[in-house]
N, C-alpha and C. Protein backbone atom coordinates (compact mmCIF):
# COMPACT_ATOMS: atom_id res chain seq x y z
N MET A 1 57.79 -22.64 -35.43
CA MET A 1 57.17 -23.90 -35.06
C MET A 1 56.05 -23.65 -34.05
N LEU A 2 54.99 -24.41 -34.19
CA LEU A 2 53.82 -24.23 -33.35
C LEU A 2 53.77 -25.28 -32.26
N LYS A 3 53.46 -24.85 -31.06
CA LYS A 3 53.28 -25.79 -29.97
C LYS A 3 51.84 -26.27 -29.97
N VAL A 4 51.66 -27.56 -29.84
CA VAL A 4 50.32 -28.15 -29.80
C VAL A 4 49.81 -28.06 -28.36
N LYS A 5 48.59 -27.60 -28.20
CA LYS A 5 47.97 -27.55 -26.88
C LYS A 5 47.45 -28.95 -26.55
N PRO A 6 47.39 -29.31 -25.26
CA PRO A 6 46.86 -30.62 -24.90
C PRO A 6 45.44 -30.80 -25.43
N LYS A 7 45.15 -31.97 -25.92
CA LYS A 7 43.84 -32.35 -26.45
C LYS A 7 43.41 -31.53 -27.66
N GLU A 8 44.37 -30.91 -28.34
CA GLU A 8 44.04 -30.14 -29.54
C GLU A 8 44.12 -31.05 -30.75
N ILE A 9 43.05 -31.06 -31.54
CA ILE A 9 42.98 -31.89 -32.75
C ILE A 9 42.87 -30.96 -33.95
N TRP A 10 43.72 -31.20 -34.95
CA TRP A 10 43.73 -30.37 -36.16
C TRP A 10 43.13 -31.15 -37.32
N LYS A 11 42.28 -30.47 -38.11
CA LYS A 11 41.71 -31.10 -39.30
C LYS A 11 41.80 -30.13 -40.47
N LEU A 12 41.93 -30.72 -41.67
CA LEU A 12 41.92 -29.91 -42.89
C LEU A 12 40.56 -29.24 -43.06
N ILE A 13 40.57 -28.03 -43.62
CA ILE A 13 39.33 -27.29 -43.85
C ILE A 13 38.89 -27.50 -45.30
N ASN A 14 37.63 -27.89 -45.49
CA ASN A 14 37.09 -28.05 -46.85
C ASN A 14 37.23 -26.75 -47.62
N ASN A 15 37.60 -26.85 -48.89
CA ASN A 15 37.75 -25.71 -49.80
C ASN A 15 38.94 -24.81 -49.47
N TYR A 16 39.69 -25.12 -48.43
CA TYR A 16 40.89 -24.37 -48.08
C TYR A 16 42.00 -25.37 -47.76
N PRO A 17 42.56 -26.05 -48.77
CA PRO A 17 43.50 -27.14 -48.53
C PRO A 17 44.83 -26.73 -47.90
N ASP A 18 45.14 -25.45 -47.87
CA ASP A 18 46.38 -25.00 -47.23
C ASP A 18 46.17 -24.63 -45.77
N TYR A 19 44.99 -24.91 -45.24
CA TYR A 19 44.66 -24.50 -43.88
C TYR A 19 44.10 -25.66 -43.07
N LYS A 20 44.32 -25.57 -41.75
CA LYS A 20 43.71 -26.50 -40.80
C LYS A 20 43.07 -25.69 -39.69
N VAL A 21 42.05 -26.28 -39.06
CA VAL A 21 41.39 -25.66 -37.92
C VAL A 21 41.43 -26.68 -36.78
N SER A 22 41.53 -26.18 -35.56
CA SER A 22 41.57 -27.10 -34.42
C SER A 22 40.24 -27.09 -33.69
N ASN A 23 40.03 -28.14 -32.90
CA ASN A 23 38.82 -28.24 -32.09
C ASN A 23 38.76 -27.16 -31.01
N LEU A 24 39.86 -26.45 -30.79
CA LEU A 24 39.90 -25.37 -29.81
C LEU A 24 39.69 -24.01 -30.45
N GLY A 25 39.51 -23.99 -31.78
CA GLY A 25 39.19 -22.73 -32.45
C GLY A 25 40.38 -21.97 -33.00
N ARG A 26 41.51 -22.65 -33.16
CA ARG A 26 42.66 -21.99 -33.77
C ARG A 26 42.74 -22.40 -35.23
N VAL A 27 43.23 -21.48 -36.08
CA VAL A 27 43.35 -21.73 -37.51
C VAL A 27 44.80 -21.50 -37.89
N LYS A 28 45.35 -22.39 -38.74
CA LYS A 28 46.73 -22.21 -39.18
C LYS A 28 46.85 -22.46 -40.67
N ARG A 29 47.86 -21.82 -41.22
CA ARG A 29 48.22 -22.04 -42.61
C ARG A 29 49.55 -22.77 -42.62
N PHE A 30 49.67 -23.75 -43.50
CA PHE A 30 50.92 -24.49 -43.59
C PHE A 30 51.98 -23.59 -44.21
N SER A 31 53.21 -23.74 -43.76
CA SER A 31 54.29 -22.98 -44.41
C SER A 31 54.61 -23.66 -45.73
N ASN A 32 54.66 -22.91 -46.79
CA ASN A 32 54.94 -23.42 -48.13
C ASN A 32 53.97 -24.53 -48.54
N GLY A 33 52.76 -24.51 -47.97
CA GLY A 33 51.76 -25.49 -48.35
C GLY A 33 52.02 -26.88 -47.80
N ARG A 34 52.97 -27.03 -46.87
CA ARG A 34 53.28 -28.36 -46.33
C ARG A 34 52.98 -28.40 -44.84
N ASN A 35 52.66 -29.56 -44.37
CA ASN A 35 52.40 -29.77 -42.95
C ASN A 35 53.37 -30.84 -42.47
N ILE A 36 54.26 -30.47 -41.57
CA ILE A 36 55.28 -31.41 -41.10
C ILE A 36 55.13 -31.55 -39.59
N ARG A 37 55.01 -32.78 -39.13
CA ARG A 37 54.89 -33.02 -37.70
C ARG A 37 56.23 -33.55 -37.18
N ASN A 38 56.66 -32.96 -36.07
CA ASN A 38 57.94 -33.37 -35.51
C ASN A 38 57.93 -33.08 -34.01
N ASN A 39 57.81 -34.10 -33.19
CA ASN A 39 57.85 -33.97 -31.74
C ASN A 39 56.93 -32.87 -31.20
N ASN A 40 55.66 -33.00 -31.45
CA ASN A 40 54.66 -32.07 -30.93
C ASN A 40 54.73 -30.65 -31.49
N THR A 41 55.43 -30.45 -32.58
CA THR A 41 55.45 -29.13 -33.20
C THR A 41 55.01 -29.28 -34.64
N PHE A 42 54.46 -28.23 -35.19
CA PHE A 42 54.00 -28.23 -36.57
C PHE A 42 54.62 -27.05 -37.29
N SER A 43 54.95 -27.25 -38.54
CA SER A 43 55.35 -26.09 -39.32
C SER A 43 54.09 -25.35 -39.70
N GLY A 44 54.20 -24.09 -39.93
CA GLY A 44 53.04 -23.30 -40.29
C GLY A 44 52.88 -22.14 -39.34
N LYS A 45 51.80 -21.41 -39.55
CA LYS A 45 51.58 -20.20 -38.77
C LYS A 45 50.13 -20.14 -38.30
N ILE A 46 49.93 -19.89 -37.01
CA ILE A 46 48.60 -19.66 -36.48
C ILE A 46 48.14 -18.29 -36.97
N LEU A 47 46.94 -18.24 -37.53
CA LEU A 47 46.42 -16.97 -38.01
C LEU A 47 45.86 -16.15 -36.86
N LYS A 48 46.09 -14.85 -36.93
CA LYS A 48 45.61 -13.96 -35.89
C LYS A 48 44.15 -13.61 -36.17
N PRO A 49 43.27 -13.88 -35.21
CA PRO A 49 41.85 -13.57 -35.42
C PRO A 49 41.61 -12.06 -35.40
N ILE A 50 40.61 -11.64 -36.15
CA ILE A 50 40.18 -10.25 -36.18
C ILE A 50 38.78 -10.21 -35.58
N LYS A 51 38.55 -9.28 -34.67
CA LYS A 51 37.23 -9.15 -34.05
C LYS A 51 36.38 -8.23 -34.92
N LYS A 52 35.24 -8.75 -35.37
CA LYS A 52 34.32 -7.96 -36.20
C LYS A 52 33.38 -7.14 -35.30
N ARG A 53 32.60 -6.29 -35.94
CA ARG A 53 31.74 -5.34 -35.23
C ARG A 53 30.84 -5.99 -34.19
N LYS A 54 30.26 -7.12 -34.48
CA LYS A 54 29.35 -7.77 -33.53
C LYS A 54 30.06 -8.71 -32.56
N GLY A 55 31.39 -8.71 -32.57
CA GLY A 55 32.15 -9.49 -31.62
C GLY A 55 32.60 -10.85 -32.10
N TYR A 56 32.21 -11.25 -33.31
CA TYR A 56 32.62 -12.55 -33.84
C TYR A 56 34.05 -12.47 -34.37
N LEU A 57 34.78 -13.57 -34.25
CA LEU A 57 36.16 -13.61 -34.73
C LEU A 57 36.22 -14.20 -36.13
N VAL A 58 37.06 -13.58 -36.97
CA VAL A 58 37.28 -14.06 -38.34
C VAL A 58 38.78 -14.15 -38.58
N VAL A 59 39.16 -14.90 -39.60
CA VAL A 59 40.54 -14.94 -40.08
C VAL A 59 40.52 -14.66 -41.58
N THR A 60 41.61 -14.12 -42.08
CA THR A 60 41.72 -13.85 -43.50
C THR A 60 42.47 -15.01 -44.15
N MET A 61 41.83 -15.62 -45.15
CA MET A 61 42.39 -16.80 -45.81
C MET A 61 42.41 -16.59 -47.31
N TYR A 62 43.38 -17.22 -47.96
CA TYR A 62 43.42 -17.20 -49.42
C TYR A 62 42.47 -18.27 -49.95
N VAL A 63 41.70 -17.90 -50.94
CA VAL A 63 40.77 -18.83 -51.57
C VAL A 63 41.58 -19.74 -52.48
N TYR A 64 41.37 -21.05 -52.37
CA TYR A 64 42.14 -22.03 -53.13
C TYR A 64 42.03 -21.77 -54.63
N GLY A 65 43.17 -21.75 -55.29
CA GLY A 65 43.21 -21.59 -56.74
C GLY A 65 43.11 -20.15 -57.21
N ARG A 66 42.99 -19.23 -56.28
CA ARG A 66 42.89 -17.81 -56.65
C ARG A 66 43.89 -17.01 -55.83
N LYS A 67 44.09 -15.78 -56.24
CA LYS A 67 44.98 -14.92 -55.48
C LYS A 67 44.18 -13.94 -54.62
N THR A 68 42.93 -14.27 -54.36
CA THR A 68 42.08 -13.40 -53.56
C THR A 68 42.00 -13.90 -52.13
N ARG A 69 41.78 -12.96 -51.22
CA ARG A 69 41.64 -13.30 -49.81
C ARG A 69 40.18 -13.12 -49.40
N LYS A 70 39.82 -13.83 -48.35
CA LYS A 70 38.44 -13.79 -47.87
C LYS A 70 38.45 -13.89 -46.35
N GLN A 71 37.61 -13.09 -45.70
CA GLN A 71 37.47 -13.22 -44.25
C GLN A 71 36.41 -14.26 -43.96
N VAL A 72 36.77 -15.23 -43.12
CA VAL A 72 35.88 -16.34 -42.81
C VAL A 72 35.73 -16.44 -41.29
N GLY A 73 34.50 -16.63 -40.83
CA GLY A 73 34.24 -16.76 -39.40
C GLY A 73 34.85 -18.03 -38.83
N ILE A 74 35.55 -17.88 -37.72
CA ILE A 74 36.19 -19.05 -37.09
C ILE A 74 35.13 -20.03 -36.61
N SER A 75 34.03 -19.53 -36.06
CA SER A 75 32.98 -20.44 -35.58
C SER A 75 32.45 -21.29 -36.73
N ARG A 76 32.32 -20.70 -37.91
CA ARG A 76 31.85 -21.45 -39.08
C ARG A 76 32.85 -22.54 -39.47
N LEU A 77 34.13 -22.19 -39.47
CA LEU A 77 35.16 -23.18 -39.83
C LEU A 77 35.17 -24.35 -38.86
N VAL A 78 35.11 -24.05 -37.56
CA VAL A 78 35.12 -25.10 -36.54
C VAL A 78 33.86 -25.96 -36.65
N ALA A 79 32.70 -25.32 -36.74
CA ALA A 79 31.44 -26.07 -36.79
C ALA A 79 31.38 -26.97 -38.02
N GLU A 80 31.69 -26.43 -39.19
CA GLU A 80 31.59 -27.24 -40.41
C GLU A 80 32.62 -28.36 -40.43
N THR A 81 33.77 -28.13 -39.82
CA THR A 81 34.82 -29.15 -39.81
C THR A 81 34.56 -30.23 -38.77
N PHE A 82 34.09 -29.85 -37.58
CA PHE A 82 33.94 -30.82 -36.49
C PHE A 82 32.49 -31.28 -36.26
N LEU A 83 31.51 -30.47 -36.65
CA LEU A 83 30.10 -30.86 -36.46
C LEU A 83 29.45 -31.34 -37.75
N GLY A 84 30.10 -31.07 -38.88
CA GLY A 84 29.53 -31.44 -40.17
C GLY A 84 28.83 -30.26 -40.82
N PRO A 85 28.27 -30.47 -42.00
CA PRO A 85 27.61 -29.37 -42.72
C PRO A 85 26.43 -28.81 -41.92
N ARG A 86 26.23 -27.50 -42.05
CA ARG A 86 25.12 -26.84 -41.35
C ARG A 86 23.81 -27.22 -42.03
N PRO A 87 22.86 -27.77 -41.27
CA PRO A 87 21.56 -28.11 -41.86
C PRO A 87 20.82 -26.84 -42.30
N ASP A 88 20.01 -26.96 -43.34
CA ASP A 88 19.21 -25.82 -43.81
C ASP A 88 18.33 -25.31 -42.68
N GLY A 89 18.27 -23.99 -42.55
CA GLY A 89 17.43 -23.38 -41.53
C GLY A 89 18.05 -23.31 -40.15
N TYR A 90 19.30 -23.71 -40.04
CA TYR A 90 19.98 -23.70 -38.75
C TYR A 90 21.10 -22.66 -38.73
N GLU A 91 21.47 -22.22 -37.52
CA GLU A 91 22.54 -21.27 -37.31
C GLU A 91 23.54 -21.88 -36.34
N ILE A 92 24.70 -21.26 -36.27
CA ILE A 92 25.71 -21.68 -35.29
C ILE A 92 25.45 -20.91 -34.01
N ASN A 93 25.40 -21.61 -32.89
CA ASN A 93 25.19 -20.99 -31.59
C ASN A 93 26.42 -21.22 -30.71
N HIS A 94 26.82 -20.17 -29.98
CA HIS A 94 27.86 -20.30 -28.96
C HIS A 94 27.14 -20.62 -27.65
N LYS A 95 27.26 -21.84 -27.17
CA LYS A 95 26.51 -22.29 -26.00
C LYS A 95 26.73 -21.39 -24.78
N SER A 96 27.97 -20.93 -24.58
CA SER A 96 28.28 -20.10 -23.42
C SER A 96 27.87 -18.65 -23.61
N GLY A 97 27.56 -18.28 -24.86
CA GLY A 97 27.25 -16.89 -25.16
C GLY A 97 28.48 -16.04 -25.40
N ILE A 98 29.66 -16.64 -25.27
CA ILE A 98 30.91 -15.92 -25.48
C ILE A 98 31.37 -16.13 -26.91
N LYS A 99 31.30 -15.07 -27.71
CA LYS A 99 31.58 -15.18 -29.14
C LYS A 99 33.04 -15.46 -29.45
N LYS A 100 33.93 -15.18 -28.50
CA LYS A 100 35.35 -15.44 -28.73
C LYS A 100 35.72 -16.89 -28.45
N ASN A 101 34.83 -17.64 -27.81
CA ASN A 101 35.10 -19.05 -27.52
C ASN A 101 34.58 -19.90 -28.67
N ASN A 102 35.47 -20.22 -29.61
CA ASN A 102 35.09 -21.00 -30.79
C ASN A 102 35.50 -22.46 -30.67
N SER A 103 35.61 -22.95 -29.46
CA SER A 103 35.89 -24.36 -29.23
C SER A 103 34.75 -25.20 -29.78
N ARG A 104 35.08 -26.35 -30.31
CA ARG A 104 34.08 -27.26 -30.86
C ARG A 104 33.01 -27.58 -29.81
N TYR A 105 33.39 -27.63 -28.54
CA TYR A 105 32.47 -27.99 -27.47
C TYR A 105 31.54 -26.85 -27.09
N ASN A 106 31.82 -25.64 -27.56
CA ASN A 106 30.99 -24.48 -27.28
C ASN A 106 30.04 -24.16 -28.44
N LEU A 107 30.11 -24.93 -29.52
CA LEU A 107 29.31 -24.64 -30.71
C LEU A 107 28.27 -25.72 -30.95
N GLU A 108 27.13 -25.30 -31.51
CA GLU A 108 26.07 -26.24 -31.88
C GLU A 108 25.24 -25.60 -32.98
N TYR A 109 24.51 -26.43 -33.70
CA TYR A 109 23.57 -25.94 -34.70
C TYR A 109 22.18 -25.89 -34.07
N ILE A 110 21.53 -24.72 -34.15
CA ILE A 110 20.16 -24.58 -33.66
C ILE A 110 19.39 -23.67 -34.62
N THR A 111 18.07 -23.66 -34.49
CA THR A 111 17.26 -22.80 -35.35
C THR A 111 17.40 -21.35 -34.91
N GLN A 112 16.95 -20.43 -35.77
CA GLN A 112 17.02 -19.01 -35.44
C GLN A 112 16.19 -18.71 -34.19
N LEU A 113 15.02 -19.30 -34.09
CA LEU A 113 14.16 -19.08 -32.93
C LEU A 113 14.85 -19.57 -31.65
N GLU A 114 15.44 -20.76 -31.71
CA GLU A 114 16.16 -21.28 -30.54
C GLU A 114 17.33 -20.38 -30.18
N ASN A 115 18.01 -19.84 -31.19
CA ASN A 115 19.14 -18.95 -30.96
C ASN A 115 18.69 -17.66 -30.27
N HIS A 116 17.56 -17.10 -30.72
CA HIS A 116 17.03 -15.89 -30.08
C HIS A 116 16.64 -16.17 -28.63
N ARG A 117 16.00 -17.30 -28.40
CA ARG A 117 15.61 -17.67 -27.03
C ARG A 117 16.84 -17.85 -26.15
N HIS A 118 17.85 -18.53 -26.69
CA HIS A 118 19.08 -18.76 -25.94
C HIS A 118 19.74 -17.44 -25.57
N ALA A 119 19.82 -16.52 -26.53
CA ALA A 119 20.41 -15.21 -26.27
C ALA A 119 19.62 -14.47 -25.19
N GLY A 120 18.30 -14.58 -25.25
CA GLY A 120 17.46 -13.94 -24.24
C GLY A 120 17.69 -14.52 -22.86
N GLU A 121 17.83 -15.85 -22.78
CA GLU A 121 18.08 -16.52 -21.50
C GLU A 121 19.40 -16.08 -20.89
N LEU A 122 20.39 -15.81 -21.75
CA LEU A 122 21.71 -15.39 -21.27
C LEU A 122 21.80 -13.88 -21.08
N GLY A 123 20.73 -13.16 -21.42
CA GLY A 123 20.74 -11.71 -21.30
C GLY A 123 21.53 -11.02 -22.39
N LEU A 124 21.69 -11.69 -23.52
CA LEU A 124 22.49 -11.14 -24.62
C LEU A 124 21.64 -10.53 -25.72
N SER A 125 20.35 -10.72 -25.64
CA SER A 125 19.48 -10.30 -26.73
C SER A 125 19.33 -8.78 -26.77
N SER A 126 19.43 -8.24 -27.97
CA SER A 126 19.21 -6.81 -28.16
C SER A 126 17.83 -6.57 -28.77
N TYR A 127 17.02 -7.61 -28.82
CA TYR A 127 15.72 -7.51 -29.43
C TYR A 127 14.75 -6.80 -28.51
N LYS A 128 13.91 -5.94 -29.10
CA LYS A 128 12.92 -5.20 -28.34
C LYS A 128 11.70 -6.05 -28.03
N LEU A 129 11.45 -7.04 -28.83
CA LEU A 129 10.20 -7.79 -28.74
C LEU A 129 10.37 -9.12 -28.01
N SER A 130 9.38 -9.44 -27.22
CA SER A 130 9.34 -10.76 -26.59
C SER A 130 8.50 -11.68 -27.48
N GLU A 131 8.49 -12.94 -27.14
CA GLU A 131 7.66 -13.89 -27.88
C GLU A 131 6.18 -13.50 -27.76
N LYS A 132 5.81 -12.99 -26.59
CA LYS A 132 4.43 -12.54 -26.36
C LYS A 132 4.09 -11.38 -27.31
N ASP A 133 5.04 -10.43 -27.47
CA ASP A 133 4.82 -9.30 -28.39
C ASP A 133 4.59 -9.77 -29.81
N VAL A 134 5.39 -10.73 -30.24
CA VAL A 134 5.28 -11.25 -31.61
C VAL A 134 3.91 -11.88 -31.83
N LYS A 135 3.47 -12.67 -30.86
CA LYS A 135 2.14 -13.29 -30.97
C LYS A 135 1.05 -12.23 -31.03
N GLU A 136 1.22 -11.17 -30.24
CA GLU A 136 0.23 -10.09 -30.23
C GLU A 136 0.21 -9.35 -31.57
N ILE A 137 1.38 -9.11 -32.16
CA ILE A 137 1.46 -8.46 -33.47
C ILE A 137 0.71 -9.29 -34.51
N ARG A 138 0.95 -10.58 -34.51
CA ARG A 138 0.27 -11.45 -35.48
C ARG A 138 -1.25 -11.46 -35.25
N TYR A 139 -1.65 -11.49 -33.98
CA TYR A 139 -3.07 -11.48 -33.65
C TYR A 139 -3.72 -10.17 -34.08
N LEU A 140 -3.08 -9.04 -33.76
CA LEU A 140 -3.65 -7.73 -34.11
C LEU A 140 -3.83 -7.59 -35.61
N TYR A 141 -2.83 -8.03 -36.35
CA TYR A 141 -2.92 -7.90 -37.81
C TYR A 141 -4.02 -8.81 -38.37
N ALA A 142 -4.07 -10.04 -37.89
CA ALA A 142 -5.08 -11.00 -38.38
C ALA A 142 -6.49 -10.55 -38.00
N ASP A 143 -6.60 -9.85 -36.86
CA ASP A 143 -7.90 -9.40 -36.37
C ASP A 143 -8.34 -8.08 -37.00
N GLY A 144 -7.50 -7.52 -37.88
CA GLY A 144 -7.86 -6.29 -38.56
C GLY A 144 -7.71 -5.04 -37.72
N TYR A 145 -6.84 -5.08 -36.70
CA TYR A 145 -6.63 -3.95 -35.80
C TYR A 145 -6.20 -2.69 -36.55
N GLY A 146 -5.36 -2.87 -37.53
CA GLY A 146 -4.88 -1.72 -38.29
C GLY A 146 -3.80 -2.14 -39.26
N SER A 147 -3.22 -1.14 -39.88
CA SER A 147 -2.17 -1.40 -40.87
C SER A 147 -0.88 -1.85 -40.19
N GLN A 148 0.02 -2.38 -41.00
CA GLN A 148 1.33 -2.75 -40.48
C GLN A 148 2.02 -1.53 -39.90
N ASP A 149 1.85 -0.38 -40.55
CA ASP A 149 2.48 0.85 -40.09
C ASP A 149 1.96 1.24 -38.70
N LYS A 150 0.66 1.13 -38.50
CA LYS A 150 0.06 1.47 -37.20
C LYS A 150 0.58 0.54 -36.10
N ILE A 151 0.64 -0.75 -36.40
CA ILE A 151 1.16 -1.73 -35.42
C ILE A 151 2.63 -1.46 -35.14
N ALA A 152 3.39 -1.13 -36.17
CA ALA A 152 4.82 -0.84 -36.01
C ALA A 152 5.03 0.34 -35.06
N LYS A 153 4.26 1.40 -35.23
CA LYS A 153 4.40 2.58 -34.37
C LYS A 153 4.07 2.24 -32.92
N GLU A 154 3.07 1.39 -32.73
CA GLU A 154 2.68 1.01 -31.37
C GLU A 154 3.77 0.22 -30.66
N PHE A 155 4.51 -0.60 -31.40
CA PHE A 155 5.55 -1.43 -30.80
C PHE A 155 6.95 -0.83 -30.91
N GLY A 156 7.06 0.32 -31.59
CA GLY A 156 8.36 0.98 -31.71
C GLY A 156 9.32 0.28 -32.65
N ILE A 157 8.78 -0.35 -33.69
CA ILE A 157 9.62 -1.04 -34.67
C ILE A 157 9.23 -0.57 -36.06
N SER A 158 9.95 -1.01 -37.07
CA SER A 158 9.65 -0.58 -38.44
C SER A 158 8.49 -1.38 -39.02
N GLN A 159 7.87 -0.79 -40.04
CA GLN A 159 6.78 -1.47 -40.75
C GLN A 159 7.31 -2.74 -41.41
N MET A 160 8.55 -2.69 -41.93
CA MET A 160 9.14 -3.86 -42.57
C MET A 160 9.30 -5.00 -41.55
N HIS A 161 9.69 -4.66 -40.33
CA HIS A 161 9.84 -5.67 -39.28
C HIS A 161 8.49 -6.34 -38.99
N VAL A 162 7.43 -5.53 -38.90
CA VAL A 162 6.09 -6.08 -38.68
C VAL A 162 5.72 -7.03 -39.82
N GLY A 163 5.98 -6.60 -41.06
CA GLY A 163 5.68 -7.45 -42.22
C GLY A 163 6.42 -8.77 -42.17
N ASN A 164 7.69 -8.71 -41.77
CA ASN A 164 8.48 -9.94 -41.66
C ASN A 164 7.94 -10.86 -40.57
N ILE A 165 7.48 -10.29 -39.47
CA ILE A 165 6.90 -11.09 -38.39
C ILE A 165 5.62 -11.76 -38.87
N ILE A 166 4.77 -11.02 -39.55
CA ILE A 166 3.50 -11.55 -40.05
C ILE A 166 3.73 -12.69 -41.04
N ARG A 167 4.74 -12.54 -41.91
CA ARG A 167 5.04 -13.58 -42.91
C ARG A 167 5.90 -14.72 -42.36
N GLY A 168 6.29 -14.61 -41.10
CA GLY A 168 7.09 -15.67 -40.49
C GLY A 168 8.56 -15.64 -40.85
N LYS A 169 9.03 -14.53 -41.40
CA LYS A 169 10.45 -14.43 -41.75
C LYS A 169 11.30 -14.06 -40.54
N ARG A 170 10.70 -13.46 -39.56
CA ARG A 170 11.35 -13.14 -38.29
C ARG A 170 10.50 -13.76 -37.20
N TRP A 171 11.18 -14.38 -36.27
CA TRP A 171 10.48 -15.07 -35.19
C TRP A 171 9.72 -16.17 -35.81
């Protein structure tokens, strides 16, 4: 039996009818596919999160109607369940910068650029380039300074990265 934390709200997860996610970032599977409430306890099992390489937490869930399992990000489950569908062109951001805090109140949808800026403000960014560098790369290329390869060597990045910056796919 599971103890409910104060102010914890559980909701069914779309496309995973045997699972619920809470506003505090916990995920559970119903025992035998049933959910029974009895004096602040629930039948079922809280899933143990797995920490992925970049620090994000995932849980392993069975895909409805199949016998296959899938690892799903907890932040995605919480955001889609409590914030609604992710708008096109937006990402999930952890407001505090702490990837293990998947509380509904720590998550928001923002653009990739806003997410990079936010990470930079918190000192979490691993990016070599500043916004000023990106503008300079675009200016140099437009001004005919040299090839993408030449610009890449000057900034210590790959030619593909320069191409993505010029086409607006990055930054």
